[in-house]
Structures are given as structure tokens and as C-alpha cells.
Amino acid sequence: MIDRDELIEAVTRQVLEELAGRAPAQPLEHAEQAVANGAARIGYCGNGADVPPSVAAFIDHTLLRPDATAAEIDRLCDEAVQYGFAAVCINPAWVARAARRLRGSRVTVASVVGFPLGANTPEIKAMEARRALREGAREIDMVINIGALKGGDHELVRRDVAGVSDACREVGALNKVIIEAAYLTDEEKVVACRLAQMGHADFVKTSTGFGPGGATVFDVALMRETVGPKMGVKAAGGIHTAEEVRQMITAGATRIGASAGVRIVTGEDGGSGESY
């Protein structure tokens, strides 16, 4: 069993003390103070109202609505190629179709596992990941077992993550771990990020977009400070504008999950999804 106190003492004290006096009355301003070098981590420059084209390469163009149709998935893929998004993020039923549609492009297929509740067993999550990977996914966005984390069963959470990470490593894919931050205390967010690291994940991610809240600048800053500079941080849930992207990047995000990717990079409504 992983010792809870050891995890918290190893990371939480310095992170929360650093951020304690900077809780965001003006979120971006305080995140910039807390993570002064965050933007430099991915080369952001300029005014956030004028997002540079390269930011498209940090966006996962996302469509996770339960009523998404084949035509909408095709459109999502075509938009991802057109605008140079990093990936499309879709439900498992659409992975094979998206992989065929995107063959020969630089756009990656990302799919979700244990989504959106995270309450499947570790064995089922690993099996679900392997199925998506066989059908062409090269990134997995998995949801942790939130109840296990809050109940103190940290070994189960670590094993949950590790099983999907193992499946991803077999084919050179990435594992992005959704901690669903809106359900967690700051202390629990730190522990969740550390457990994701122990489970050999490649990213931590704020939200599913289906929970009680989405990405916040404070949570992204906290997650970045917890995992350090080498692990990815994905901000997702409720990100609709170039200014919100700028805030997340400044706080330390290296990937953005958004259904509004076209609108973000062009200022026009792409119309491909909701706020996931």
C-alpha cells in the first residue's frame, strides 16, 4: 500500500505553500506569478487575444457527445487536418473510422477509457485501452477511479493507471490521466497527479467535461507544479476562446482539449461539438 502521508509530504507542502497566497481573484494574473515560466514551456508568445497558428498543434479537437454521428466524426477529422490540430479525441466506437479517415495525416487519434465516471475496474480499463489501440488510437485519455482516490485506496488508483500505461507502451502510445479535478480537494489533486506519475502516465488532465466543473487556471498551475516540467498537462472542459487558451498555456498546459478548436484558431464557429 502506498503511504498517503509520504505522498502528500513529498509534494503538497511546497506546492500549496507556493500557491496559497495567490489564489486567483484575477486568475490569470496570479497563475502567471505562480508559474512564471509556464508559457515558455511550450513557446507561447504574443497577445493571448491573437493566438499564434502553432497553438493549433496543442489542441485535441474533441467530440464526445453521446449523439455524435458518423458524419460529424468525419467533419471533426477533416477539420483537424485542415487546421493542424494535434489529435481528434473521440469515443471508442469511432476510433476505427477516424483512423481510416486520418490515414496519411499528422493528426493522431485519441480515445477515452473508463469515461466519464472512471468507475470501471483496472482490468476492464486496460482491455478497453488495448481495443482502442488495436483499432488505431495512439493516445488514451483515461479517467481515474475517483472514489478510490477520495477513499484513500491509492494503490488501486496507481494500478488502474499503470494497467493502461502498460497497454499504451506496448504500441508507443500516450496515456493521459483525467483526475476530474472538480471533485477533488487541492491535496487530492496533488496526490492524483503523483499517482499518475507512479503509474507511468504521460499526461495529467483536468477534466472530462462531463463533471461539475472544467479546467481552471489554478488547477492547471497546481498540476504543473506537482508533475514538474517533463510530464504533459492537458486542460480540458469549458475552453471556448483564444483568451482561455492563453490562460491555460500561461499556467503550464501543454495540450488543450476543446470542441471549439476551429473557433479558437479562426474566431469563427466550427460547430462540431459542445464544451468538452
C-alpha atoms as a PDB file:
ATOM      1  CA  MET A   1       0.000   0.000   0.000  1.00  0.00           C
ATOM      2  CA  ILE A   2       1.315   3.437  -0.928  1.00  0.00           C
ATOM      3  CA  ASP A   3       1.607   5.615   2.175  1.00  0.00           C
ATOM      4  CA  ARG A   4      -0.728   8.607   1.903  1.00  0.00           C
ATOM      5  CA  ASP A   5       1.295  10.819   4.225  1.00  0.00           C
ATOM      6  CA  GLU A   6       4.501  10.136   2.310  1.00  0.00           C
ATOM      7  CA  LEU A   7       2.865  11.190  -0.949  1.00  0.00           C
ATOM      8  CA  ILE A   8       1.418  14.354   0.486  1.00  0.00           C
ATOM      9  CA  GLU A   9       4.514  15.416   2.393  1.00  0.00           C
ATOM     10  CA  ALA A  10       6.716  14.808  -0.648  1.00  0.00           C
ATOM     11  CA  VAL A  11       4.834  17.204  -2.880  1.00  0.00           C
ATOM     12  CA  THR A  12       1.894  19.026  -1.366  1.00  0.00           C
ATOM     13  CA  ARG A  13       3.632  21.278   1.137  1.00  0.00           C
ATOM     14  CA  GLN A  14       5.851  23.167  -1.258  1.00  0.00           C
ATOM     15  CA  VAL A  15       3.200  23.371  -3.959  1.00  0.00           C
ATOM     16  CA  LEU A  16       0.364  24.606  -1.780  1.00  0.00           C
ATOM     17  CA  GLU A  17       2.590  26.986   0.168  1.00  0.00           C
ATOM     18  CA  GLU A  18       3.787  28.450  -3.120  1.00  0.00           C
ATOM     19  CA  LEU A  19       0.244  28.942  -4.363  1.00  0.00           C
ATOM     20  CA  ALA A  20      -1.560  29.618  -1.072  1.00  0.00           C
ATOM     21  CA  GLY A  21      -1.293  33.378  -1.150  1.00  0.00           C
ATOM     22  CA  ARG A  22      -2.043  33.553  -4.851  1.00  0.00           C
ATOM     23  CA  ALA A  23      -5.490  32.051  -5.180  1.00  0.00           C
ATOM     24  CA  PRO A  24      -6.997  33.751  -8.201  1.00  0.00           C
ATOM     25  CA  ALA A  25      -9.050  36.812  -7.519  1.00  0.00           C
ATOM     26  CA  GLN A  26      -7.786  37.626 -11.034  1.00  0.00           C
ATOM     27  CA  PRO A  27      -6.936  34.044 -12.140  1.00  0.00           C
ATOM     28  CA  LEU A  28      -4.501  34.700 -14.966  1.00  0.00           C
ATOM     29  CA  GLU A  29      -2.513  37.311 -13.085  1.00  0.00           C
ATOM     30  CA  HIS A  30      -1.923  35.027 -10.116  1.00  0.00           C
ATOM     31  CA  ALA A  31      -1.231  31.963 -12.238  1.00  0.00           C
ATOM     32  CA  GLU A  32       1.435  33.937 -14.052  1.00  0.00           C
ATOM     33  CA  GLN A  33       3.042  34.760 -10.710  1.00  0.00           C
ATOM     34  CA  ALA A  34       2.832  31.155  -9.555  1.00  0.00           C
ATOM     35  CA  VAL A  35       4.185  29.702 -12.786  1.00  0.00           C
ATOM     36  CA  ALA A  36       6.360  32.466 -14.158  1.00  0.00           C
ATOM     37  CA  ASN A  37       7.963  30.201 -16.773  1.00  0.00           C
ATOM     38  CA  GLY A  38       4.830  28.298 -17.743  1.00  0.00           C
ATOM     39  CA  ALA A  39       4.358  29.926 -21.139  1.00  0.00           C
ATOM     40  CA  ALA A  40       7.971  29.303 -22.114  1.00  0.00           C
ATOM     41  CA  ARG A  41       7.476  25.601 -21.664  1.00  0.00           C
ATOM     42  CA  ILE A  42       5.631  25.425 -24.977  1.00  0.00           C
ATOM     43  CA  GLY A  43       6.939  28.532 -26.647  1.00  0.00           C
ATOM     44  CA  TYR A  44       3.906  30.795 -26.273  1.00  0.00           C
ATOM     45  CA  CYS A  45       4.455  34.365 -27.397  1.00  0.00           C
ATOM     46  CA  GLY A  46       2.359  37.425 -28.104  1.00  0.00           C
ATOM     47  CA  ASN A  47      -1.081  38.583 -27.096  1.00  0.00           C
ATOM     48  CA  GLY A  48      -3.478  35.865 -26.000  1.00  0.00           C
ATOM     49  CA  ALA A  49      -6.264  37.512 -27.973  1.00  0.00           C
ATOM     50  CA  ASP A  50      -4.207  36.744 -31.083  1.00  0.00           C
ATOM     51  CA  VAL A  51      -3.290  33.093 -30.626  1.00  0.00           C
ATOM     52  CA  PRO A  52      -0.410  32.101 -32.923  1.00  0.00           C
ATOM     53  CA  PRO A  53      -1.156  29.395 -35.506  1.00  0.00           C
ATOM     54  CA  SER A  54       1.215  26.978 -33.779  1.00  0.00           C
ATOM     55  CA  VAL A  55      -1.243  26.733 -30.883  1.00  0.00           C
ATOM     56  CA  ALA A  56      -3.442  24.556 -33.100  1.00  0.00           C
ATOM     57  CA  ALA A  57      -0.825  21.849 -32.662  1.00  0.00           C
ATOM     58  CA  PHE A  58      -1.617  21.793 -28.925  1.00  0.00           C
ATOM     59  CA  ILE A  59      -5.365  21.299 -29.356  1.00  0.00           C
ATOM     60  CA  ASP A  60      -7.156  17.952 -29.211  1.00  0.00           C
ATOM     61  CA  HIS A  61     -10.200  18.570 -31.424  1.00  0.00           C
ATOM     62  CA  THR A  62     -12.852  16.887 -29.324  1.00  0.00           C
ATOM     63  CA  LEU A  63     -16.263  15.357 -29.930  1.00  0.00           C
ATOM     64  CA  LEU A  64     -17.502  13.161 -27.081  1.00  0.00           C
ATOM     65  CA  ARG A  65     -21.247  13.799 -27.271  1.00  0.00           C
ATOM     66  CA  PRO A  66     -23.255  10.582 -26.992  1.00  0.00           C
ATOM     67  CA  ASP A  67     -25.345  11.576 -30.007  1.00  0.00           C
ATOM     68  CA  ALA A  68     -22.405  12.247 -32.353  1.00  0.00           C
ATOM     69  CA  THR A  69     -22.976  10.854 -35.828  1.00  0.00           C
ATOM     70  CA  ALA A  70     -20.614   9.341 -38.383  1.00  0.00           C
ATOM     71  CA  ALA A  71     -20.889  12.488 -40.488  1.00  0.00           C
ATOM     72  CA  GLU A  72     -19.868  14.637 -37.514  1.00  0.00           C
ATOM     73  CA  ILE A  73     -16.877  12.416 -36.805  1.00  0.00           C
ATOM     74  CA  ASP A  74     -15.800  12.727 -40.444  1.00  0.00           C
ATOM     75  CA  ARG A  75     -16.123  16.502 -40.237  1.00  0.00           C
ATOM     76  CA  LEU A  76     -14.113  16.550 -36.997  1.00  0.00           C
ATOM     77  CA  CYS A  77     -11.305  14.618 -38.686  1.00  0.00           C
ATOM     78  CA  ASP A  78     -11.323  16.849 -41.749  1.00  0.00           C
ATOM     79  CA  GLU A  79     -11.185  19.982 -39.579  1.00  0.00           C
ATOM     80  CA  ALA A  80      -8.289  18.522 -37.599  1.00  0.00           C
ATOM     81  CA  VAL A  81      -6.299  18.027 -40.799  1.00  0.00           C
ATOM     82  CA  GLN A  82      -7.258  21.436 -42.175  1.00  0.00           C
ATOM     83  CA  TYR A  83      -6.237  23.386 -39.079  1.00  0.00           C
ATOM     84  CA  GLY A  84      -3.337  21.218 -37.913  1.00  0.00           C
ATOM     85  CA  PHE A  85      -4.740  20.067 -34.585  1.00  0.00           C
ATOM     86  CA  ALA A  86      -2.716  17.577 -32.541  1.00  0.00           C
ATOM     87  CA  ALA A  87      -5.424  14.929 -32.346  1.00  0.00           C
ATOM     88  CA  VAL A  88      -9.083  14.164 -32.528  1.00  0.00           C
ATOM     89  CA  CYS A  89     -10.499  12.952 -29.216  1.00  0.00           C
ATOM     90  CA  ILE A  90     -13.495  10.676 -29.681  1.00  0.00           C
ATOM     91  CA  ASN A  91     -15.442   7.856 -28.088  1.00  0.00           C
ATOM     92  CA  PRO A  92     -14.133   4.302 -28.670  1.00  0.00           C
ATOM     93  CA  ALA A  93     -16.870   3.334 -31.137  1.00  0.00           C
ATOM     94  CA  TRP A  94     -15.471   5.823 -33.662  1.00  0.00           C
ATOM     95  CA  VAL A  95     -11.756   5.012 -33.429  1.00  0.00           C
ATOM     96  CA  ALA A  96     -11.522   2.706 -36.437  1.00  0.00           C
ATOM     97  CA  ARG A  97     -13.461   5.144 -38.619  1.00  0.00           C
ATOM     98  CA  ALA A  98     -11.333   8.115 -37.544  1.00  0.00           C
ATOM     99  CA  ALA A  99      -8.102   6.166 -38.033  1.00  0.00           C
ATOM    100  CA  ARG A 100      -9.103   5.366 -41.617  1.00  0.00           C
ATOM    101  CA  ARG A 101     -10.135   8.953 -42.270  1.00  0.00           C
ATOM    102  CA  LEU A 102      -6.861  10.349 -40.895  1.00  0.00           C
ATOM    103  CA  ARG A 103      -4.507   7.823 -42.502  1.00  0.00           C
ATOM    104  CA  GLY A 104      -1.540   9.616 -44.032  1.00  0.00           C
ATOM    105  CA  SER A 105      -2.049  12.785 -41.991  1.00  0.00           C
ATOM    106  CA  ARG A 106      -0.161  14.003 -38.928  1.00  0.00           C
ATOM    107  CA  VAL A 107      -3.291  14.046 -36.787  1.00  0.00           C
ATOM    108  CA  THR A 108      -3.416  11.437 -34.037  1.00  0.00           C
ATOM    109  CA  VAL A 109      -6.498   9.558 -32.871  1.00  0.00           C
ATOM    110  CA  ALA A 110      -7.156   9.853 -29.134  1.00  0.00           C
ATOM    111  CA  SER A 111      -9.872   7.858 -27.418  1.00  0.00           C
ATOM    112  CA  VAL A 112     -11.303   7.733 -23.913  1.00  0.00           C
ATOM    113  CA  VAL A 113     -11.227   4.884 -21.390  1.00  0.00           C
ATOM    114  CA  GLY A 114     -13.356   4.459 -18.276  1.00  0.00           C
ATOM    115  CA  PHE A 115     -15.218   7.516 -19.476  1.00  0.00           C
ATOM    116  CA  PRO A 116     -16.712   9.610 -17.978  1.00  0.00           C
ATOM    117  CA  LEU A 117     -17.063   8.150 -14.457  1.00  0.00           C
ATOM    118  CA  GLY A 118     -13.772   6.279 -14.001  1.00  0.00           C
ATOM    119  CA  ALA A 119     -15.517   3.551 -12.011  1.00  0.00           C
ATOM    120  CA  ASN A 120     -14.580   0.547 -14.159  1.00  0.00           C
ATOM    121  CA  THR A 121     -12.114  -1.987 -12.803  1.00  0.00           C
ATOM    122  CA  PRO A 122      -8.424  -1.709 -13.746  1.00  0.00           C
ATOM    123  CA  GLU A 123      -8.691  -4.866 -15.831  1.00  0.00           C
ATOM    124  CA  ILE A 124     -11.594  -3.521 -17.887  1.00  0.00           C
ATOM    125  CA  LYS A 125      -9.838  -0.193 -18.444  1.00  0.00           C
ATOM    126  CA  ALA A 126      -6.718  -1.943 -19.689  1.00  0.00           C
ATOM    127  CA  MET A 127      -8.814  -4.132 -22.000  1.00  0.00           C
ATOM    128  CA  GLU A 128     -10.717  -1.112 -23.302  1.00  0.00           C
ATOM    129  CA  ALA A 129      -7.438   0.687 -23.963  1.00  0.00           C
ATOM    130  CA  ARG A 130      -5.985  -2.254 -25.884  1.00  0.00           C
ATOM    131  CA  ARG A 131      -9.096  -2.479 -28.063  1.00  0.00           C
ATOM    132  CA  ALA A 132      -8.895   1.226 -28.942  1.00  0.00           C
ATOM    133  CA  LEU A 133      -5.163   0.939 -29.617  1.00  0.00           C
ATOM    134  CA  ARG A 134      -5.690  -2.062 -31.907  1.00  0.00           C
ATOM    135  CA  GLU A 135      -8.200  -0.033 -33.901  1.00  0.00           C
ATOM    136  CA  GLY A 136      -5.788   2.850 -34.393  1.00  0.00           C
ATOM    137  CA  ALA A 137      -5.797   5.112 -31.344  1.00  0.00           C
ATOM    138  CA  ARG A 138      -2.367   6.379 -30.321  1.00  0.00           C
ATOM    139  CA  GLU A 139      -3.447   8.402 -27.315  1.00  0.00           C
ATOM    140  CA  ILE A 140      -5.686   7.295 -24.467  1.00  0.00           C
ATOM    141  CA  ASP A 141      -7.476   9.696 -22.108  1.00  0.00           C
ATOM    142  CA  MET A 142      -8.435   7.585 -19.091  1.00  0.00           C
ATOM    143  CA  VAL A 143     -10.441   8.595 -16.021  1.00  0.00           C
ATOM    144  CA  ILE A 144      -9.047   7.636 -12.640  1.00  0.00           C
ATOM    145  CA  ASN A 145     -11.165   5.839 -10.041  1.00  0.00           C
ATOM    146  CA  ILE A 146     -12.284   8.990  -8.240  1.00  0.00           C
ATOM    147  CA  GLY A 147     -13.976   7.168  -5.365  1.00  0.00           C
ATOM    148  CA  ALA A 148     -10.882   5.079  -4.699  1.00  0.00           C
ATOM    149  CA  LEU A 149      -8.736   8.206  -4.598  1.00  0.00           C
ATOM    150  CA  LYS A 150     -11.055  10.017  -2.204  1.00  0.00           C
ATOM    151  CA  GLY A 151     -11.369   6.889  -0.066  1.00  0.00           C
ATOM    152  CA  GLY A 152      -7.598   6.573   0.292  1.00  0.00           C
ATOM    153  CA  ASP A 153      -7.092   3.438  -1.818  1.00  0.00           C
ATOM    154  CA  HIS A 154      -4.073   4.883  -3.576  1.00  0.00           C
ATOM    155  CA  GLU A 155      -2.643   1.540  -4.618  1.00  0.00           C
ATOM    156  CA  LEU A 156      -5.775   0.794  -6.641  1.00  0.00           C
ATOM    157  CA  VAL A 157      -5.504   4.180  -8.369  1.00  0.00           C
ATOM    158  CA  ARG A 158      -1.833   3.610  -9.181  1.00  0.00           C
ATOM    159  CA  ARG A 159      -2.577   0.117 -10.519  1.00  0.00           C
ATOM    160  CA  ASP A 160      -5.504   1.484 -12.515  1.00  0.00           C
ATOM    161  CA  VAL A 161      -3.221   3.978 -14.245  1.00  0.00           C
ATOM    162  CA  ALA A 162      -0.345   1.522 -14.659  1.00  0.00           C
ATOM    163  CA  GLY A 163      -2.516  -1.019 -16.476  1.00  0.00           C
ATOM    164  CA  VAL A 164      -3.474   1.498 -19.155  1.00  0.00           C
ATOM    165  CA  SER A 165       0.078   2.867 -19.316  1.00  0.00           C
ATOM    166  CA  ASP A 166       1.378  -0.659 -19.945  1.00  0.00           C
ATOM    167  CA  ALA A 167      -1.114  -1.127 -22.782  1.00  0.00           C
ATOM    168  CA  CYS A 168      -0.052   2.200 -24.299  1.00  0.00           C
ATOM    169  CA  ARG A 169       3.675   1.452 -24.067  1.00  0.00           C
ATOM    170  CA  GLU A 170       3.182  -1.803 -25.994  1.00  0.00           C
ATOM    171  CA  VAL A 171       2.418   0.234 -29.129  1.00  0.00           C
ATOM    172  CA  GLY A 172       4.222   3.502 -28.359  1.00  0.00           C
ATOM    173  CA  ALA A 173       1.035   5.362 -27.438  1.00  0.00           C
ATOM    174  CA  LEU A 174       0.447   8.032 -24.777  1.00  0.00           C
ATOM    175  CA  ASN A 175      -1.626   7.738 -21.610  1.00  0.00           C
ATOM    176  CA  LYS A 176      -3.349  10.920 -20.422  1.00  0.00           C
ATOM    177  CA  VAL A 177      -4.873  10.579 -16.954  1.00  0.00           C
ATOM    178  CA  ILE A 178      -8.017  12.570 -16.196  1.00  0.00           C
ATOM    179  CA  ILE A 179      -8.139  13.409 -12.479  1.00  0.00           C
ATOM    180  CA  GLU A 180     -11.569  15.156 -12.681  1.00  0.00           C
ATOM    181  CA  ALA A 181     -10.301  17.999 -10.534  1.00  0.00           C
ATOM    182  CA  ALA A 182     -13.709  19.491  -9.747  1.00  0.00           C
ATOM    183  CA  TYR A 183     -14.414  16.561  -7.407  1.00  0.00           C
ATOM    184  CA  LEU A 184     -11.098  16.860  -5.542  1.00  0.00           C
ATOM    185  CA  THR A 185      -9.543  18.975  -2.831  1.00  0.00           C
ATOM    186  CA  ASP A 186      -6.217  20.625  -3.646  1.00  0.00           C
ATOM    187  CA  GLU A 187      -4.473  17.975  -1.603  1.00  0.00           C
ATOM    188  CA  GLU A 188      -6.244  15.218  -3.541  1.00  0.00           C
ATOM    189  CA  LYS A 189      -5.313  16.849  -6.861  1.00  0.00           C
ATOM    190  CA  VAL A 190      -1.662  16.685  -5.884  1.00  0.00           C
ATOM    191  CA  VAL A 191      -1.948  13.052  -4.782  1.00  0.00           C
ATOM    192  CA  ALA A 192      -3.780  12.156  -8.016  1.00  0.00           C
ATOM    193  CA  CYS A 193      -1.008  13.690 -10.102  1.00  0.00           C
ATOM    194  CA  ARG A 194       1.681  11.879  -8.153  1.00  0.00           C
ATOM    195  CA  LEU A 195      -0.158   8.565  -8.555  1.00  0.00           C
ATOM    196  CA  ALA A 196      -0.394   9.190 -12.299  1.00  0.00           C
ATOM    197  CA  GLN A 197       3.370   9.666 -12.345  1.00  0.00           C
ATOM    198  CA  MET A 198       3.859   6.459 -10.355  1.00  0.00           C
ATOM    199  CA  GLY A 199       1.642   4.685 -12.899  1.00  0.00           C
ATOM    200  CA  HIS A 200       3.957   5.886 -15.714  1.00  0.00           C
ATOM    201  CA  ALA A 201       1.368   8.123 -17.378  1.00  0.00           C
ATOM    202  CA  ASP A 202       2.498  10.687 -19.943  1.00  0.00           C
ATOM    203  CA  PHE A 203      -0.009  13.440 -19.097  1.00  0.00           C
ATOM    204  CA  VAL A 204      -2.348  14.522 -16.360  1.00  0.00           C
ATOM    205  CA  LYS A 205      -5.618  16.099 -17.487  1.00  0.00           C
ATOM    206  CA  THR A 206      -8.005  18.336 -15.591  1.00  0.00           C
ATOM    207  CA  SER A 207     -11.472  17.189 -16.536  1.00  0.00           C
ATOM    208  CA  THR A 208     -13.789  15.027 -18.614  1.00  0.00           C
ATOM    209  CA  GLY A 209     -16.092  17.929 -19.468  1.00  0.00           C
ATOM    210  CA  PHE A 210     -18.957  15.897 -18.010  1.00  0.00           C
ATOM    211  CA  GLY A 211     -18.251  16.606 -14.322  1.00  0.00           C
ATOM    212  CA  PRO A 212     -19.366  19.538 -12.147  1.00  0.00           C
ATOM    213  CA  GLY A 213     -16.627  21.813 -13.496  1.00  0.00           C
ATOM    214  CA  GLY A 214     -13.993  22.087 -16.185  1.00  0.00           C
ATOM    215  CA  ALA A 215     -10.448  23.365 -16.409  1.00  0.00           C
ATOM    216  CA  THR A 216      -9.349  26.259 -14.211  1.00  0.00           C
ATOM    217  CA  VAL A 217      -6.130  28.217 -14.361  1.00  0.00           C
ATOM    218  CA  PHE A 218      -5.399  27.464 -10.714  1.00  0.00           C
ATOM    219  CA  ASP A 219      -5.771  23.706 -11.218  1.00  0.00           C
ATOM    220  CA  VAL A 220      -3.509  23.732 -14.270  1.00  0.00           C
ATOM    221  CA  ALA A 221      -0.869  25.687 -12.341  1.00  0.00           C
ATOM    222  CA  LEU A 222      -1.138  23.316  -9.388  1.00  0.00           C
ATOM    223  CA  MET A 223      -0.870  20.260 -11.620  1.00  0.00           C
ATOM    224  CA  ARG A 224       2.115  21.692 -13.497  1.00  0.00           C
ATOM    225  CA  GLU A 225       3.962  22.475 -10.284  1.00  0.00           C
ATOM    226  CA  THR A 226       3.202  18.976  -8.981  1.00  0.00           C
ATOM    227  CA  VAL A 227       4.396  16.980 -12.006  1.00  0.00           C
ATOM    228  CA  GLY A 228       7.301  19.222 -12.985  1.00  0.00           C
ATOM    229  CA  PRO A 229       8.419  20.227 -16.474  1.00  0.00           C
ATOM    230  CA  LYS A 230       8.715  16.830 -18.165  1.00  0.00           C
ATOM    231  CA  MET A 231       5.161  15.475 -17.896  1.00  0.00           C
ATOM    232  CA  GLY A 232       2.339  16.791 -20.043  1.00  0.00           C
ATOM    233  CA  VAL A 233      -0.610  18.721 -18.603  1.00  0.00           C
ATOM    234  CA  LYS A 234      -3.860  18.820 -20.548  1.00  0.00           C
ATOM    235  CA  ALA A 235      -6.502  21.429 -19.782  1.00  0.00           C
ATOM    236  CA  ALA A 236      -9.987  20.366 -20.856  1.00  0.00           C
ATOM    237  CA  GLY A 237     -13.571  21.240 -20.120  1.00  0.00           C
ATOM    238  CA  GLY A 238     -15.248  24.530 -20.924  1.00  0.00           C
ATOM    239  CA  ILE A 239     -12.458  26.084 -23.015  1.00  0.00           C
ATOM    240  CA  HIS A 240     -14.060  28.107 -25.785  1.00  0.00           C
ATOM    241  CA  THR A 241     -11.905  31.129 -26.606  1.00  0.00           C
ATOM    242  CA  ALA A 242      -8.388  32.136 -27.548  1.00  0.00           C
ATOM    243  CA  GLU A 243      -8.113  34.077 -24.295  1.00  0.00           C
ATOM    244  CA  GLU A 244      -8.944  30.971 -22.264  1.00  0.00           C
ATOM    245  CA  VAL A 245      -6.333  29.033 -24.220  1.00  0.00           C
ATOM    246  CA  ARG A 246      -3.786  31.742 -23.413  1.00  0.00           C
ATOM    247  CA  GLN A 247      -4.586  31.492 -19.732  1.00  0.00           C
ATOM    248  CA  MET A 248      -4.190  27.707 -19.689  1.00  0.00           C
ATOM    249  CA  ILE A 249      -0.911  27.859 -21.611  1.00  0.00           C
ATOM    250  CA  THR A 250       0.416  30.527 -19.256  1.00  0.00           C
ATOM    251  CA  ALA A 251      -0.431  28.299 -16.295  1.00  0.00           C
ATOM    252  CA  GLY A 252       1.579  25.421 -17.800  1.00  0.00           C
ATOM    253  CA  ALA A 253      -0.749  23.425 -20.068  1.00  0.00           C
ATOM    254  CA  THR A 254       0.937  21.642 -22.963  1.00  0.00           C
ATOM    255  CA  ARG A 255      -2.271  20.331 -24.507  1.00  0.00           C
ATOM    256  CA  ILE A 256      -5.780  21.782 -24.729  1.00  0.00           C
ATOM    257  CA  GLY A 257      -8.909  19.684 -25.108  1.00  0.00           C
ATOM    258  CA  ALA A 258     -11.699  21.604 -26.820  1.00  0.00           C
ATOM    259  CA  SER A 259     -14.656  21.075 -29.092  1.00  0.00           C
ATOM    260  CA  ALA A 260     -14.360  24.744 -30.086  1.00  0.00           C
ATOM    261  CA  GLY A 261     -10.952  24.333 -31.717  1.00  0.00           C
ATOM    262  CA  VAL A 262     -11.969  25.859 -35.037  1.00  0.00           C
ATOM    263  CA  ARG A 263     -13.446  28.907 -33.333  1.00  0.00           C
ATOM    264  CA  ILE A 264     -10.360  29.259 -31.159  1.00  0.00           C
ATOM    265  CA  VAL A 265      -7.929  29.371 -34.082  1.00  0.00           C
ATOM    266  CA  THR A 266     -10.100  31.288 -36.538  1.00  0.00           C
ATOM    267  CA  GLY A 267     -12.551  33.281 -34.446  1.00  0.00           C
ATOM    268  CA  GLU A 268     -15.360  31.547 -36.342  1.00  0.00           C
ATOM    269  CA  ASP A 269     -17.831  28.928 -35.128  1.00  0.00           C
ATOM    270  CA  GLY A 270     -16.771  25.456 -36.326  1.00  0.00           C
ATOM    271  CA  GLY A 271     -19.964  23.915 -34.964  1.00  0.00           C
ATOM    272  CA  SER A 272     -18.529  20.432 -34.366  1.00  0.00           C
ATOM    273  CA  GLY A 273     -19.393  19.904 -30.734  1.00  0.00           C
ATOM    274  CA  GLU A 274     -20.199  21.060 -27.239  1.00  0.00           C
ATOM    275  CA  SER A 275     -17.972  22.215 -24.399  1.00  0.00           C
ATOM    276  CA  TYR A 276     -15.960  19.008 -23.866  1.00  0.00           C
END
